[in-house]
Protein backbone atom coordinates (compact mmCIF):
# COMPACT_ATOMS: atom_id res chain seq x y z
CA MET A 1 5.21 15.11 23.00
CA LEU A 2 2.52 16.96 21.06
CA TYR A 3 -0.48 15.43 22.79
CA ASN A 4 -1.73 14.99 26.35
CA LYS A 5 -0.44 11.65 27.62
CA LYS A 6 -3.08 11.49 30.38
CA GLU A 7 -5.89 11.75 27.82
CA LEU A 8 -4.29 9.03 25.67
CA ILE A 9 -4.02 6.68 28.70
CA ILE A 10 -7.66 7.28 29.71
CA ASN A 11 -8.82 6.58 26.14
CA ALA A 12 -6.73 3.42 26.00
CA VAL A 13 -8.20 2.10 29.29
CA PHE A 14 -11.75 2.84 28.12
CA LEU A 15 -11.16 1.05 24.81
CA GLN A 16 -9.66 -1.95 26.61
CA ILE A 17 -12.73 -2.32 28.88
CA THR A 18 -15.10 -1.91 25.92
CA TRP A 19 -13.06 -4.40 23.93
CA ARG A 20 -13.35 -7.15 26.58
CA VAL A 21 -17.14 -6.86 26.56
CA VAL A 22 -17.24 -6.90 22.75
CA VAL A 23 -15.11 -10.01 22.32
CA THR A 24 -17.10 -11.97 24.93
CA HIS A 25 -20.29 -11.46 22.93
CA LEU A 26 -18.63 -12.08 19.57
CA SER A 27 -17.95 -15.69 20.52
CA TYR A 28 -21.56 -16.33 19.44
CA ILE A 29 -20.71 -15.74 15.78
CA LEU A 30 -17.88 -18.29 15.54
CA PRO A 31 -20.07 -20.77 13.60
CA TYR A 32 -20.92 -18.05 11.10
CA LEU A 33 -17.24 -17.31 10.59
CA GLU A 34 -16.55 -20.99 10.04
CA GLU A 35 -19.04 -21.04 7.16
CA ILE A 36 -17.68 -17.84 5.63
CA PHE A 37 -14.14 -19.18 5.49
CA ASN A 38 -15.29 -22.05 3.30
CA TRP A 39 -15.76 -19.80 0.28
CA GLU A 40 -13.31 -19.59 -2.60
CA ASP A 41 -12.39 -16.01 -3.40
CA ALA A 42 -11.16 -16.01 -7.01
CA TYR A 43 -10.66 -12.23 -6.87
CA PHE A 44 -8.25 -12.46 -3.96
CA ILE A 45 -6.36 -15.36 -5.53
CA LYS A 46 -5.51 -13.03 -8.44
CA LEU A 47 -4.05 -10.48 -6.05
CA VAL A 48 -1.36 -12.71 -4.57
CA GLU A 49 1.43 -14.78 -6.04
CA SER A 50 -0.49 -18.02 -6.52
CA GLU A 51 -3.62 -19.91 -5.55
CA SER A 52 -1.73 -21.84 -2.87
CA SER A 53 -0.39 -18.59 -1.39
CA ALA A 54 -3.91 -17.16 -1.28
CA ARG A 55 -5.21 -20.24 0.51
CA ASN A 56 -2.36 -20.07 3.03
CA ILE A 57 -3.03 -16.41 3.75
CA VAL A 58 -6.76 -17.01 4.19
CA ARG A 59 -6.03 -19.92 6.53
CA GLN A 60 -3.58 -17.83 8.59
CA ILE A 61 -6.08 -15.00 8.90
CA LYS A 62 -8.84 -17.41 9.86
CA ASN A 63 -6.75 -19.05 12.57
CA SER A 64 -5.66 -15.66 13.89
CA ILE A 65 -9.22 -14.32 14.05
CA PHE A 66 -10.42 -17.42 15.89
CA LEU A 67 -7.48 -17.17 18.30
CA CYS A 68 -8.20 -13.51 19.06
CA LEU A 69 -11.91 -14.13 19.57
CA LYS A 70 -10.96 -16.62 22.27
CA ASN A 71 -8.11 -14.55 23.72
CA GLN A 72 -8.66 -10.85 23.12
CA ASP A 73 -5.43 -9.84 24.84
CA ARG A 74 -3.42 -11.20 21.92
CA ILE A 75 -4.99 -9.27 19.05
CA ASP A 76 -2.28 -6.60 18.87
CA GLU A 77 0.54 -9.12 19.18
CA VAL A 78 -0.92 -11.57 16.65
CA PHE A 79 -1.96 -9.14 13.92
CA SER A 80 0.93 -6.69 14.23
CA ASN A 81 3.34 -9.62 13.88
CA MET A 82 1.36 -10.86 10.88
CA GLY A 83 1.50 -7.38 9.32
CA SER A 84 5.27 -7.22 9.75
CA LYS A 85 5.69 -10.66 8.22
CA TYR A 86 3.50 -9.90 5.20
CA SER A 87 5.24 -6.55 4.70
CA ASN A 88 8.63 -8.28 4.62
CA ARG A 89 7.21 -10.73 2.06
CA MET A 90 6.29 -7.70 -0.10
CA ILE A 91 2.58 -8.58 -0.07
CA PRO A 92 0.69 -5.37 -0.92
CA PHE A 93 -1.04 -3.94 2.13
CA VAL A 94 -4.27 -3.14 0.27
CA ASN A 95 -4.67 -6.76 -0.87
CA ILE A 96 -4.84 -8.07 2.69
CA ILE A 97 -7.08 -5.23 3.82
CA SER A 98 -9.38 -6.02 0.87
CA LEU A 99 -9.61 -9.64 2.02
CA ILE A 100 -10.26 -8.76 5.68
CA THR A 101 -12.89 -6.20 4.69
CA SER A 102 -14.57 -8.80 2.47
CA ILE A 103 -14.72 -11.24 5.40
CA ARG A 104 -16.35 -8.60 7.60
CA ASN A 105 -18.88 -7.63 4.93
CA ARG A 106 -19.84 -11.23 4.22
CA LEU A 107 -20.29 -11.86 7.92
CA ASN A 108 -22.56 -8.83 8.31
CA GLU A 109 -24.56 -9.82 5.22
CA LYS A 110 -25.10 -13.32 6.58
CA ILE A 111 -26.26 -12.01 9.96
CA ILE A 112 -28.70 -9.58 8.34
CA LYS A 113 -30.02 -12.25 5.99
CA GLU A 114 -30.65 -14.78 8.77
CA GLN A 115 -31.93 -12.16 11.21
CA LYS A 116 -29.74 -13.47 14.03
CA PHE A 117 -27.33 -11.54 16.24
CA LYS A 118 -28.10 -8.26 14.44
CA THR A 119 -27.30 -6.35 17.62
CA LEU A 120 -23.73 -7.63 17.34
CA ILE A 121 -23.03 -5.88 14.02
CA PRO A 122 -21.54 -2.74 15.65
CA SER A 123 -19.35 -5.01 17.80
CA ILE A 124 -18.31 -7.02 14.75
CA ASN A 125 -17.29 -3.82 12.98
CA LEU A 126 -15.32 -2.73 16.06
CA PHE A 127 -13.59 -6.12 16.18
CA PHE A 128 -12.46 -5.84 12.57
CA GLU A 129 -11.49 -2.20 13.02
CA ASN A 130 -9.14 -3.21 15.85
CA LEU A 131 -7.86 -6.15 13.82
CA ILE A 132 -7.06 -3.96 10.81
CA ASN A 133 -5.48 -1.33 13.04
CA SER A 134 -3.09 -3.86 14.62
CA PHE A 135 -2.32 -5.33 11.20
CA SER A 136 -1.53 -1.83 9.93
CA LYS A 137 0.80 -1.31 12.89
CA GLY A 138 2.87 -4.27 11.68
CA TYR A 139 3.21 -2.77 8.19
CA LEU A 140 4.05 0.63 9.68
CA ILE A 141 6.85 -0.68 11.91
CA ALA A 142 8.23 -2.93 9.16
CA SER A 143 8.37 0.07 6.79
CA ALA A 144 10.20 2.16 9.38
CA LYS A 145 12.75 -0.60 9.98
CA SER A 146 13.23 -1.01 6.23
CA LEU A 147 13.85 2.72 5.89
CA ILE A 148 16.61 2.57 8.52
CA ASP A 149 18.26 -0.41 6.83
CA GLU A 150 18.03 1.19 3.39
CA TYR A 151 19.61 4.50 4.31
CA ASP A 152 22.27 2.90 6.48
CA ARG A 153 23.51 1.32 3.25
CA PHE A 154 23.13 4.41 1.07
CA ASP A 155 26.67 5.79 1.38
CA LEU A 156 26.44 8.05 -1.68
CA TRP A 157 23.75 10.27 -0.19
CA LYS A 158 25.02 10.01 3.37
CA ASN A 159 28.30 11.69 2.35
CA GLN A 160 26.60 14.74 0.86
CA ASP A 161 25.86 17.46 3.38
CA TYR A 162 22.30 18.49 2.45
CA ARG A 163 21.15 14.95 1.86
CA ARG A 164 22.85 13.67 5.00
CA ILE A 165 20.86 16.07 7.19
CA HIS A 166 17.57 14.89 5.75
CA ILE A 167 18.54 11.21 5.92
CA GLN A 168 19.45 11.59 9.60
CA TRP A 169 16.08 13.26 10.18
CA LEU A 170 14.32 10.34 8.42
CA ILE A 171 16.19 7.79 10.52
CA GLU A 172 15.21 9.66 13.70
CA LEU A 173 11.58 9.53 12.57
CA SER A 174 11.84 5.80 11.87
CA ARG A 175 13.43 5.12 15.26
CA TYR A 176 10.62 7.06 16.92
CA ILE A 177 8.05 4.86 15.16
CA ILE A 178 9.72 1.58 16.16
CA GLY A 179 10.09 2.78 19.76
CA ASP A 180 13.83 3.45 19.95
CA LYS A 181 13.23 7.18 20.54
CA ASN A 182 10.70 8.86 22.84
CA GLU A 183 10.28 11.99 20.75
CA PRO A 184 9.82 12.56 17.00
CA PRO A 185 12.37 14.66 15.09
CA GLN A 186 11.80 18.37 14.55
CA LEU A 187 8.35 18.83 12.98
CA ASN A 188 8.48 22.58 12.35
CA TYR A 189 10.16 22.99 8.99
CA ARG A 190 11.37 26.49 9.89
CA LYS A 191 13.30 25.08 12.87
CA CYS A 192 14.66 22.11 10.94
CA PRO A 193 18.48 22.25 10.61
CA LEU A 194 18.06 21.75 6.87
CA SER A 195 16.01 24.95 6.48
CA LYS A 196 19.02 27.03 7.40
CA LYS A 197 21.06 25.22 4.76
CA LEU A 198 18.38 25.66 2.10
CA SER A 199 18.11 29.40 2.73
CA ASP A 200 21.89 29.87 2.48
CA PRO A 201 22.78 32.10 -0.52
CA TYR A 202 25.50 29.64 -1.51
CA PHE A 203 22.92 26.90 -1.85
CA ARG A 204 20.63 29.08 -3.97
CA LEU A 205 23.49 29.80 -6.36
CA LYS A 206 23.47 26.13 -7.35
CA PHE A 207 20.21 26.69 -9.25
CA THR A 208 20.00 28.61 -12.47
CA ASP A 209 16.25 27.99 -12.50
CA ASP A 210 14.52 29.64 -9.54
CA ARG A 211 11.48 27.43 -10.07
CA LEU A 212 13.52 24.36 -9.17
CA TYR A 213 14.72 26.02 -5.97
CA ARG A 214 11.15 26.91 -5.00
CA GLN A 215 10.10 23.33 -5.74
CA ILE A 216 12.76 21.93 -3.42
CA THR A 217 11.76 24.22 -0.55
CA HIS A 218 8.11 23.38 -1.17
CA ILE A 219 8.82 19.63 -1.00
CA HIS A 220 10.79 20.14 2.21
CA ARG A 221 7.85 21.95 3.79
CA SER A 222 5.35 19.32 2.59
CA ILE A 223 7.48 16.55 4.15
CA HIS A 224 7.21 18.28 7.52
CA ASP A 225 3.47 18.85 7.07
CA TYR A 226 2.96 15.16 6.27
CA THR A 227 5.04 14.18 9.28
CA LYS A 228 2.92 16.29 11.63
CA SER A 229 -0.08 14.24 10.48
CA LEU A 230 1.91 11.02 10.83
CA VAL A 231 2.84 11.81 14.45
CA PHE A 232 -0.76 12.77 15.25
CA TYR A 233 -2.11 9.47 13.91
CA PHE A 234 0.68 7.45 15.50
CA GLU A 235 0.23 8.97 18.95
CA ASN A 236 -3.52 8.33 18.71
CA SER A 237 -2.96 4.69 17.66
CA LYS A 238 -4.44 5.23 14.20
CA TYR A 239 -1.94 2.96 12.52
CA MET A 240 -3.53 2.57 9.09
CA GLU A 241 -3.58 6.33 8.64
CA ALA A 242 -0.03 6.59 9.99
CA TYR A 243 1.14 3.90 7.57
CA PHE A 244 -0.32 5.67 4.53
CA VAL A 245 1.14 9.02 5.60
CA LEU A 246 4.57 7.42 6.16
CA LYS A 247 4.42 6.20 2.56
CA SER A 248 3.81 9.81 1.46
CA VAL A 249 6.74 11.02 3.59
CA ILE A 250 8.99 8.41 1.97
CA ALA A 251 7.82 9.28 -1.56
CA GLU A 252 8.34 13.02 -1.00
CA SER A 253 11.74 12.33 0.55
CA TYR A 254 12.87 10.48 -2.55
CA ARG A 255 11.79 13.45 -4.67
CA PHE A 256 13.63 15.79 -2.36
CA LEU A 257 16.85 13.75 -2.27
CA ASN A 258 16.85 13.40 -6.05
CA ASP A 259 16.23 17.10 -6.71
CA ILE A 260 18.43 18.70 -4.09
């Protein structure tokens, strides 16, 4: 692994202890949350398929927040599962994050306005940060599983040598994210099996335009650079950042597979 496992375990234990204290005190703001969830958010309704879908999503998020305030040990389970479910329903990630952020902001505004529980605002922000992080984890894992399923069906590319190597590398990365592998694939682009193929004179002869060849090698390097960031965020449990970087890895991989 790239990072010190002992340090990661110590940080995780510290955050768990802090989290238990935070959630105990946040039970005081349950009535405030109840009031906030009575509003009608016309903006959010426009972001999802229909008004009824928006109301269902708001209700699910409300019930999940209340559940996790009463049982803090379930926040990762509840919101990562919700993230996976919404990802599979093709609900845009940013729409849900926009809603959750709006709930947090309205809660903070109400507390400041009424001058009650102001000392809890940092704890409220930490609560929502953990909530969003677990939700992002669900989207991240669902995306990795989808990538495996997609390329397992993509026989055309799998049967072509250069593309096959990269697809196998992508599947290894996805299996690392979902927990089927303990180590990520090769992160150093110079040591990647594909680099040897790309530097082969026979491969270079395929291109009459040297600019296209340089573009392909540049994309290959950028994919590895993105993936180093992805692994860093993933191993430090920064799942929103990891999710966004995975999307960049996927986008660059499509460019690479189309151009190669």
